[in-house]
Each structure stands twice: as structure tokens, then as C-alpha cells.
Amino acid sequence: MEPGPEEESLPPEAPPRERNPGGLTYECINCGSKLTADQLAMTPEIKCPFCGYRILRKVRPPIVKHVKAR
């Protein structure tokens, strides 16, 4: 069966991207597992889903911002 005109005009699908490339990432202080903000929003409490520890650290991006002084 030949593809119809609608199927021919569709561009090829792009490879799946990371859902939240610039989003917040947290790291458990106890076990070191990394979590996204979406994963933390699914749980009723702010705690590591793997070990249950309640202290999480926000992972900073590797980009250093320079601010010019006046």
C-alpha cells in the first residue's frame, strides 16, 4: 500500500530529547542519587525515594556566570 499525501509530507521524527534539560536537579546527601524537580513533585513529602533521607542538595549547573561590576 502506497503512503497517502498526508504521510509523505510529515517530517521524520526527531530523536527524543531530554525532557527537562535546563531544569532543577537535586542530589540526596545520604545515597547520592539524583532527582529532577518533576520526580520530587510526584511524592507527597520532600525526601529521597530510594533511601528516605530528607536532606537534598540542589545541583548547580557547570556554567559560571560573570557579572561586570560598575
PDB file of N, CA and C in Angstrom:
ATOM      1  N   MET A   1       0.838  -1.174   0.000  1.00  0.00           N
ATOM      2  CA  MET A   1       0.000   0.000   0.000  1.00  0.00           C
ATOM      3  C   MET A   1       0.891   1.248   0.000  1.00  0.00           C
ATOM      4  N   GLU A   2       0.591   2.177  -0.899  1.00  0.00           N
ATOM      5  CA  GLU A   2       1.385   3.397  -1.004  1.00  0.00           C
ATOM      6  C   GLU A   2       0.995   4.384   0.085  1.00  0.00           C
ATOM      7  N   PRO A   3       1.970   5.139   0.598  1.00  0.00           N
ATOM      8  CA  PRO A   3       1.619   6.153   1.595  1.00  0.00           C
ATOM      9  C   PRO A   3       0.790   7.257   0.962  1.00  0.00           C
ATOM     10  N   GLY A   4      -0.184   7.756   1.711  1.00  0.00           N
ATOM     11  CA  GLY A   4      -1.052   8.828   1.233  1.00  0.00           C
ATOM     12  C   GLY A   4      -0.322  10.155   1.237  1.00  0.00           C
ATOM     13  N   PRO A   5      -0.977  11.210   0.724  1.00  0.00           N
ATOM     14  CA  PRO A   5      -0.321  12.520   0.683  1.00  0.00           C
ATOM     15  C   PRO A   5      -0.009  13.083   2.066  1.00  0.00           C
ATOM     16  N   GLU A   6      -0.816  12.714   3.080  1.00  0.00           N
ATOM     17  CA  GLU A   6      -0.547  13.211   4.429  1.00  0.00           C
ATOM     18  C   GLU A   6       0.719  12.589   4.995  1.00  0.00           C
ATOM     19  N   GLU A   7       0.934  11.322   4.713  1.00  0.00           N
ATOM     20  CA  GLU A   7       2.084  10.618   5.257  1.00  0.00           C
ATOM     21  C   GLU A   7       3.387  11.065   4.604  1.00  0.00           C
ATOM     22  N   GLU A   8       3.336  11.455   3.324  1.00  0.00           N
ATOM     23  CA  GLU A   8       4.542  11.882   2.629  1.00  0.00           C
ATOM     24  C   GLU A   8       5.047  13.223   3.132  1.00  0.00           C
ATOM     25  N   SER A   9       4.136  14.112   3.542  1.00  0.00           N
ATOM     26  CA  SER A   9       4.530  15.456   3.931  1.00  0.00           C
ATOM     27  C   SER A   9       5.041  15.542   5.368  1.00  0.00           C
ATOM     28  N   LEU A  10       4.905  14.489   6.143  1.00  0.00           N
ATOM     29  CA  LEU A  10       5.360  14.520   7.528  1.00  0.00           C
ATOM     30  C   LEU A  10       6.880  14.451   7.584  1.00  0.00           C
ATOM     31  N   PRO A  11       7.514  15.325   8.384  1.00  0.00           N
ATOM     32  CA  PRO A  11       8.976  15.238   8.519  1.00  0.00           C
ATOM     33  C   PRO A  11       9.339  14.014   9.346  1.00  0.00           C
ATOM     34  N   PRO A  12      10.548  13.499   9.179  1.00  0.00           N
ATOM     35  CA  PRO A  12      10.949  12.347  10.008  1.00  0.00           C
ATOM     36  C   PRO A  12      11.013  12.768  11.473  1.00  0.00           C
ATOM     37  N   GLU A  13      10.687  11.829  12.331  1.00  0.00           N
ATOM     38  CA  GLU A  13      10.660  12.140  13.761  1.00  0.00           C
ATOM     39  C   GLU A  13      12.061  12.418  14.274  1.00  0.00           C
ATOM     40  N   ALA A  14      12.164  13.449  15.094  1.00  0.00           N
ATOM     41  CA  ALA A  14      13.443  13.796  15.699  1.00  0.00           C
ATOM     42  C   ALA A  14      13.725  12.819  16.836  1.00  0.00           C
ATOM     43  N   PRO A  15      14.984  12.601  17.161  1.00  0.00           N
ATOM     44  CA  PRO A  15      15.281  11.724  18.295  1.00  0.00           C
ATOM     45  C   PRO A  15      14.738  12.334  19.576  1.00  0.00           C
ATOM     46  N   PRO A  16      14.316  11.509  20.520  1.00  0.00           N
ATOM     47  CA  PRO A  16      13.748  12.058  21.756  1.00  0.00           C
ATOM     48  C   PRO A  16      14.774  12.878  22.518  1.00  0.00           C
ATOM     49  N   ARG A  17      14.342  14.051  22.947  1.00  0.00           N
ATOM     50  CA  ARG A  17      15.218  14.931  23.716  1.00  0.00           C
ATOM     51  C   ARG A  17      15.015  14.702  25.198  1.00  0.00           C
ATOM     52  N   GLU A  18      15.954  15.216  25.952  1.00  0.00           N
ATOM     53  CA  GLU A  18      15.809  15.183  27.405  1.00  0.00           C
ATOM     54  C   GLU A  18      14.641  16.086  27.769  1.00  0.00           C
ATOM     55  N   ARG A  19      13.757  15.632  28.636  1.00  0.00           N
ATOM     56  CA  ARG A  19      12.538  16.367  28.938  1.00  0.00           C
ATOM     57  C   ARG A  19      12.826  17.715  29.579  1.00  0.00           C
ATOM     58  N   ASN A  20      13.746  17.755  30.488  1.00  0.00           N
ATOM     59  CA  ASN A  20      13.991  18.971  31.250  1.00  0.00           C
ATOM     60  C   ASN A  20      15.477  19.319  31.233  1.00  0.00           C
ATOM     61  N   PRO A  21      16.020  19.763  30.075  1.00  0.00           N
ATOM     62  CA  PRO A  21      17.466  19.953  30.025  1.00  0.00           C
ATOM     63  C   PRO A  21      17.979  21.047  30.939  1.00  0.00           C
ATOM     64  N   GLY A  22      17.214  22.120  31.141  1.00  0.00           N
ATOM     65  CA  GLY A  22      17.678  23.205  31.985  1.00  0.00           C
ATOM     66  C   GLY A  22      16.992  23.231  33.325  1.00  0.00           C
ATOM     67  N   GLY A  23      16.320  22.143  33.676  1.00  0.00           N
ATOM     68  CA  GLY A  23      15.540  22.106  34.904  1.00  0.00           C
ATOM     69  C   GLY A  23      16.380  21.883  36.132  1.00  0.00           C
ATOM     70  N   LEU A  24      15.719  21.899  37.254  1.00  0.00           N
ATOM     71  CA  LEU A  24      16.386  21.719  38.537  1.00  0.00           C
ATOM     72  C   LEU A  24      16.683  20.242  38.784  1.00  0.00           C
ATOM     73  N   THR A  25      17.849  19.998  39.292  1.00  0.00           N
ATOM     74  CA  THR A  25      18.236  18.644  39.675  1.00  0.00           C
ATOM     75  C   THR A  25      18.674  18.678  41.124  1.00  0.00           C
ATOM     76  N   TYR A  26      18.222  17.701  41.890  1.00  0.00           N
ATOM     77  CA  TYR A  26      18.572  17.603  43.299  1.00  0.00           C
ATOM     78  C   TYR A  26      19.339  16.322  43.529  1.00  0.00           C
ATOM     79  N   GLU A  27      20.212  16.337  44.540  1.00  0.00           N
ATOM     80  CA  GLU A  27      21.020  15.176  44.881  1.00  0.00           C
ATOM     81  C   GLU A  27      20.824  14.857  46.353  1.00  0.00           C
ATOM     82  N   CYS A  28      20.609  13.596  46.659  1.00  0.00           N
ATOM     83  CA  CYS A  28      20.456  13.160  48.045  1.00  0.00           C
ATOM     84  C   CYS A  28      21.828  13.198  48.719  1.00  0.00           C
ATOM     85  N   ILE A  29      21.877  13.769  49.912  1.00  0.00           N
ATOM     86  CA  ILE A  29      23.136  13.868  50.647  1.00  0.00           C
ATOM     87  C   ILE A  29      23.583  12.486  51.133  1.00  0.00           C
ATOM     88  N   ASN A  30      22.638  11.619  51.450  1.00  0.00           N
ATOM     89  CA  ASN A  30      22.943  10.315  52.032  1.00  0.00           C
ATOM     90  C   ASN A  30      23.401   9.296  50.984  1.00  0.00           C
ATOM     91  N   CYS A  31      22.586   9.057  49.948  1.00  0.00           N
ATOM     92  CA  CYS A  31      22.912   7.992  48.995  1.00  0.00           C
ATOM     93  C   CYS A  31      23.475   8.502  47.678  1.00  0.00           C
ATOM     94  N   GLY A  32      23.364   9.813  47.398  1.00  0.00           N
ATOM     95  CA  GLY A  32      23.944  10.379  46.192  1.00  0.00           C
ATOM     96  C   GLY A  32      23.095  10.233  44.938  1.00  0.00           C
ATOM     97  N   SER A  33      21.856   9.753  45.054  1.00  0.00           N
ATOM     98  CA  SER A  33      21.008   9.617  43.874  1.00  0.00           C
ATOM     99  C   SER A  33      20.539  10.994  43.405  1.00  0.00           C
ATOM    100  N   LYS A  34      20.396  11.148  42.097  1.00  0.00           N
ATOM    101  CA  LYS A  34      19.990  12.428  41.525  1.00  0.00           C
ATOM    102  C   LYS A  34      18.524  12.366  41.127  1.00  0.00           C
ATOM    103  N   LEU A  35      17.794  13.430  41.461  1.00  0.00           N
ATOM    104  CA  LEU A  35      16.360  13.509  41.195  1.00  0.00           C
ATOM    105  C   LEU A  35      16.047  14.794  40.458  1.00  0.00           C
ATOM    106  N   THR A  36      15.008  14.774  39.645  1.00  0.00           N
ATOM    107  CA  THR A  36      14.552  16.001  38.999  1.00  0.00           C
ATOM    108  C   THR A  36      13.428  16.602  39.832  1.00  0.00           C
ATOM    109  N   ALA A  37      13.087  17.845  39.540  1.00  0.00           N
ATOM    110  CA  ALA A  37      12.016  18.514  40.265  1.00  0.00           C
ATOM    111  C   ALA A  37      10.682  17.814  40.000  1.00  0.00           C
ATOM    112  N   ASP A  38      10.510  17.245  38.803  1.00  0.00           N
ATOM    113  CA  ASP A  38       9.278  16.520  38.487  1.00  0.00           C
ATOM    114  C   ASP A  38       9.137  15.263  39.342  1.00  0.00           C
ATOM    115  N   GLN A  39      10.242  14.571  39.578  1.00  0.00           N
ATOM    116  CA  GLN A  39      10.195  13.374  40.412  1.00  0.00           C
ATOM    117  C   GLN A  39       9.847  13.731  41.856  1.00  0.00           C
ATOM    118  N   LEU A  40      10.362  14.848  42.339  1.00  0.00           N
ATOM    119  CA  LEU A  40      10.051  15.264  43.710  1.00  0.00           C
ATOM    120  C   LEU A  40       8.606  15.722  43.837  1.00  0.00           C
ATOM    121  N   ALA A  41       8.054  16.299  42.771  1.00  0.00           N
ATOM    122  CA  ALA A  41       6.674  16.775  42.816  1.00  0.00           C
ATOM    123  C   ALA A  41       5.681  15.613  42.895  1.00  0.00           C
ATOM    124  N   MET A  42       6.072  14.441  42.443  1.00  0.00           N
ATOM    125  CA  MET A  42       5.171  13.287  42.479  1.00  0.00           C
ATOM    126  C   MET A  42       5.032  12.702  43.879  1.00  0.00           C
ATOM    127  N   THR A  43       5.990  12.941  44.747  1.00  0.00           N
ATOM    128  CA  THR A  43       5.928  12.393  46.098  1.00  0.00           C
ATOM    129  C   THR A  43       5.252  13.400  47.039  1.00  0.00           C
ATOM    130  N   PRO A  44       4.525  12.923  48.044  1.00  0.00           N
ATOM    131  CA  PRO A  44       3.849  13.855  48.957  1.00  0.00           C
ATOM    132  C   PRO A  44       4.804  14.593  49.889  1.00  0.00           C
ATOM    133  N   GLU A  45       5.966  14.010  50.163  1.00  0.00           N
ATOM    134  CA  GLU A  45       6.953  14.638  51.046  1.00  0.00           C
ATOM    135  C   GLU A  45       8.231  14.900  50.274  1.00  0.00           C
ATOM    136  N   ILE A  46       9.009  15.851  50.754  1.00  0.00           N
ATOM    137  CA  ILE A  46      10.321  16.104  50.150  1.00  0.00           C
ATOM    138  C   ILE A  46      11.322  15.168  50.830  1.00  0.00           C
ATOM    139  N   LYS A  47      11.570  14.049  50.165  1.00  0.00           N
ATOM    140  CA  LYS A  47      12.561  13.098  50.657  1.00  0.00           C
ATOM    141  C   LYS A  47      13.014  12.226  49.504  1.00  0.00           C
ATOM    142  N   CYS A  48      14.149  11.603  49.687  1.00  0.00           N
ATOM    143  CA  CYS A  48      14.710  10.727  48.664  1.00  0.00           C
ATOM    144  C   CYS A  48      13.831   9.479  48.531  1.00  0.00           C
ATOM    145  N   PRO A  49      13.375   9.147  47.331  1.00  0.00           N
ATOM    146  CA  PRO A  49      12.542   7.948  47.176  1.00  0.00           C
ATOM    147  C   PRO A  49      13.316   6.649  47.333  1.00  0.00           C
ATOM    148  N   PHE A  50      14.638   6.708  47.297  1.00  0.00           N
ATOM    149  CA  PHE A  50      15.445   5.496  47.399  1.00  0.00           C
ATOM    150  C   PHE A  50      15.807   5.148  48.830  1.00  0.00           C
ATOM    151  N   CYS A  51      16.266   6.157  49.605  1.00  0.00           N
ATOM    152  CA  CYS A  51      16.714   5.861  50.964  1.00  0.00           C
ATOM    153  C   CYS A  51      15.834   6.515  52.038  1.00  0.00           C
ATOM    154  N   GLY A  52      14.980   7.468  51.664  1.00  0.00           N
ATOM    155  CA  GLY A  52      14.099   8.100  52.633  1.00  0.00           C
ATOM    156  C   GLY A  52      14.706   9.286  53.364  1.00  0.00           C
ATOM    157  N   TYR A  53      15.946   9.644  53.045  1.00  0.00           N
ATOM    158  CA  TYR A  53      16.612  10.770  53.699  1.00  0.00           C
ATOM    159  C   TYR A  53      15.941  12.073  53.274  1.00  0.00           C
ATOM    160  N   ARG A  54      15.834  13.022  54.170  1.00  0.00           N
ATOM    161  CA  ARG A  54      15.064  14.233  53.898  1.00  0.00           C
ATOM    162  C   ARG A  54      15.899  15.455  53.552  1.00  0.00           C
ATOM    163  N   ILE A  55      17.206  15.309  53.429  1.00  0.00           N
ATOM    164  CA  ILE A  55      18.056  16.442  53.078  1.00  0.00           C
ATOM    165  C   ILE A  55      18.545  16.252  51.649  1.00  0.00           C
ATOM    166  N   LEU A  56      18.154  17.173  50.773  1.00  0.00           N
ATOM    167  CA  LEU A  56      18.535  17.143  49.372  1.00  0.00           C
ATOM    168  C   LEU A  56      19.309  18.416  49.047  1.00  0.00           C
ATOM    169  N   ARG A  57      20.255  18.294  48.147  1.00  0.00           N
ATOM    170  CA  ARG A  57      21.084  19.422  47.739  1.00  0.00           C
ATOM    171  C   ARG A  57      20.755  19.749  46.287  1.00  0.00           C
ATOM    172  N   LYS A  58      20.597  21.049  45.989  1.00  0.00           N
ATOM    173  CA  LYS A  58      20.352  21.465  44.613  1.00  0.00           C
ATOM    174  C   LYS A  58      21.679  21.437  43.861  1.00  0.00           C
ATOM    175  N   VAL A  59      21.710  20.711  42.747  1.00  0.00           N
ATOM    176  CA  VAL A  59      22.912  20.607  41.944  1.00  0.00           C
ATOM    177  C   VAL A  59      23.009  21.857  41.069  1.00  0.00           C
ATOM    178  N   ARG A  60      24.166  22.500  41.132  1.00  0.00           N
ATOM    179  CA  ARG A  60      24.377  23.714  40.336  1.00  0.00           C
ATOM    180  C   ARG A  60      24.873  23.345  38.945  1.00  0.00           C
ATOM    181  N   PRO A  61      24.483  24.123  37.937  1.00  0.00           N
ATOM    182  CA  PRO A  61      24.990  23.851  36.589  1.00  0.00           C
ATOM    183  C   PRO A  61      26.476  24.195  36.506  1.00  0.00           C
ATOM    184  N   PRO A  62      27.197  23.572  35.579  1.00  0.00           N
ATOM    185  CA  PRO A  62      28.640  23.826  35.478  1.00  0.00           C
ATOM    186  C   PRO A  62      28.980  25.192  34.868  1.00  0.00           C
ATOM    187  N   ILE A  63      27.991  25.937  34.412  1.00  0.00           N
ATOM    188  CA  ILE A  63      28.238  27.238  33.790  1.00  0.00           C
ATOM    189  C   ILE A  63      28.478  28.285  34.878  1.00  0.00           C
ATOM    190  N   VAL A  64      29.554  29.040  34.740  1.00  0.00           N
ATOM    191  CA  VAL A  64      29.881  30.093  35.683  1.00  0.00           C
ATOM    192  C   VAL A  64      29.428  31.413  35.072  1.00  0.00           C
ATOM    193  N   LYS A  65      28.632  32.174  35.829  1.00  0.00           N
ATOM    194  CA  LYS A  65      28.149  33.461  35.340  1.00  0.00           C
ATOM    195  C   LYS A  65      29.044  34.564  35.879  1.00  0.00           C
ATOM    196  N   HIS A  66      29.556  35.391  34.987  1.00  0.00           N
ATOM    197  CA  HIS A  66      30.382  36.534  35.378  1.00  0.00           C
ATOM    198  C   HIS A  66      29.538  37.787  35.253  1.00  0.00           C
ATOM    199  N   VAL A  67      29.543  38.601  36.286  1.00  0.00           N
ATOM    200  CA  VAL A  67      28.805  39.867  36.288  1.00  0.00           C
ATOM    201  C   VAL A  67      29.820  40.985  36.324  1.00  0.00           C
ATOM    202  N   LYS A  68      29.707  41.893  35.380  1.00  0.00           N
ATOM    203  CA  LYS A  68      30.643  43.011  35.310  1.00  0.00           C
ATOM    204  C   LYS A  68      30.261  44.073  36.346  1.00  0.00           C
ATOM    205  N   ALA A  69      31.213  44.471  37.159  1.00  0.00           N
ATOM    206  CA  ALA A  69      30.964  45.487  38.188  1.00  0.00           C
ATOM    207  C   ALA A  69      30.964  46.866  37.541  1.00  0.00           C
ATOM    208  N   ARG A  70      30.154  47.745  38.110  1.00  0.00           N
ATOM    209  CA  ARG A  70      30.117  49.111  37.564  1.00  0.00           C
ATOM    210  C   ARG A  70      31.087  50.016  38.260  1.00  0.00           C
TER     211      ARG A  70
END
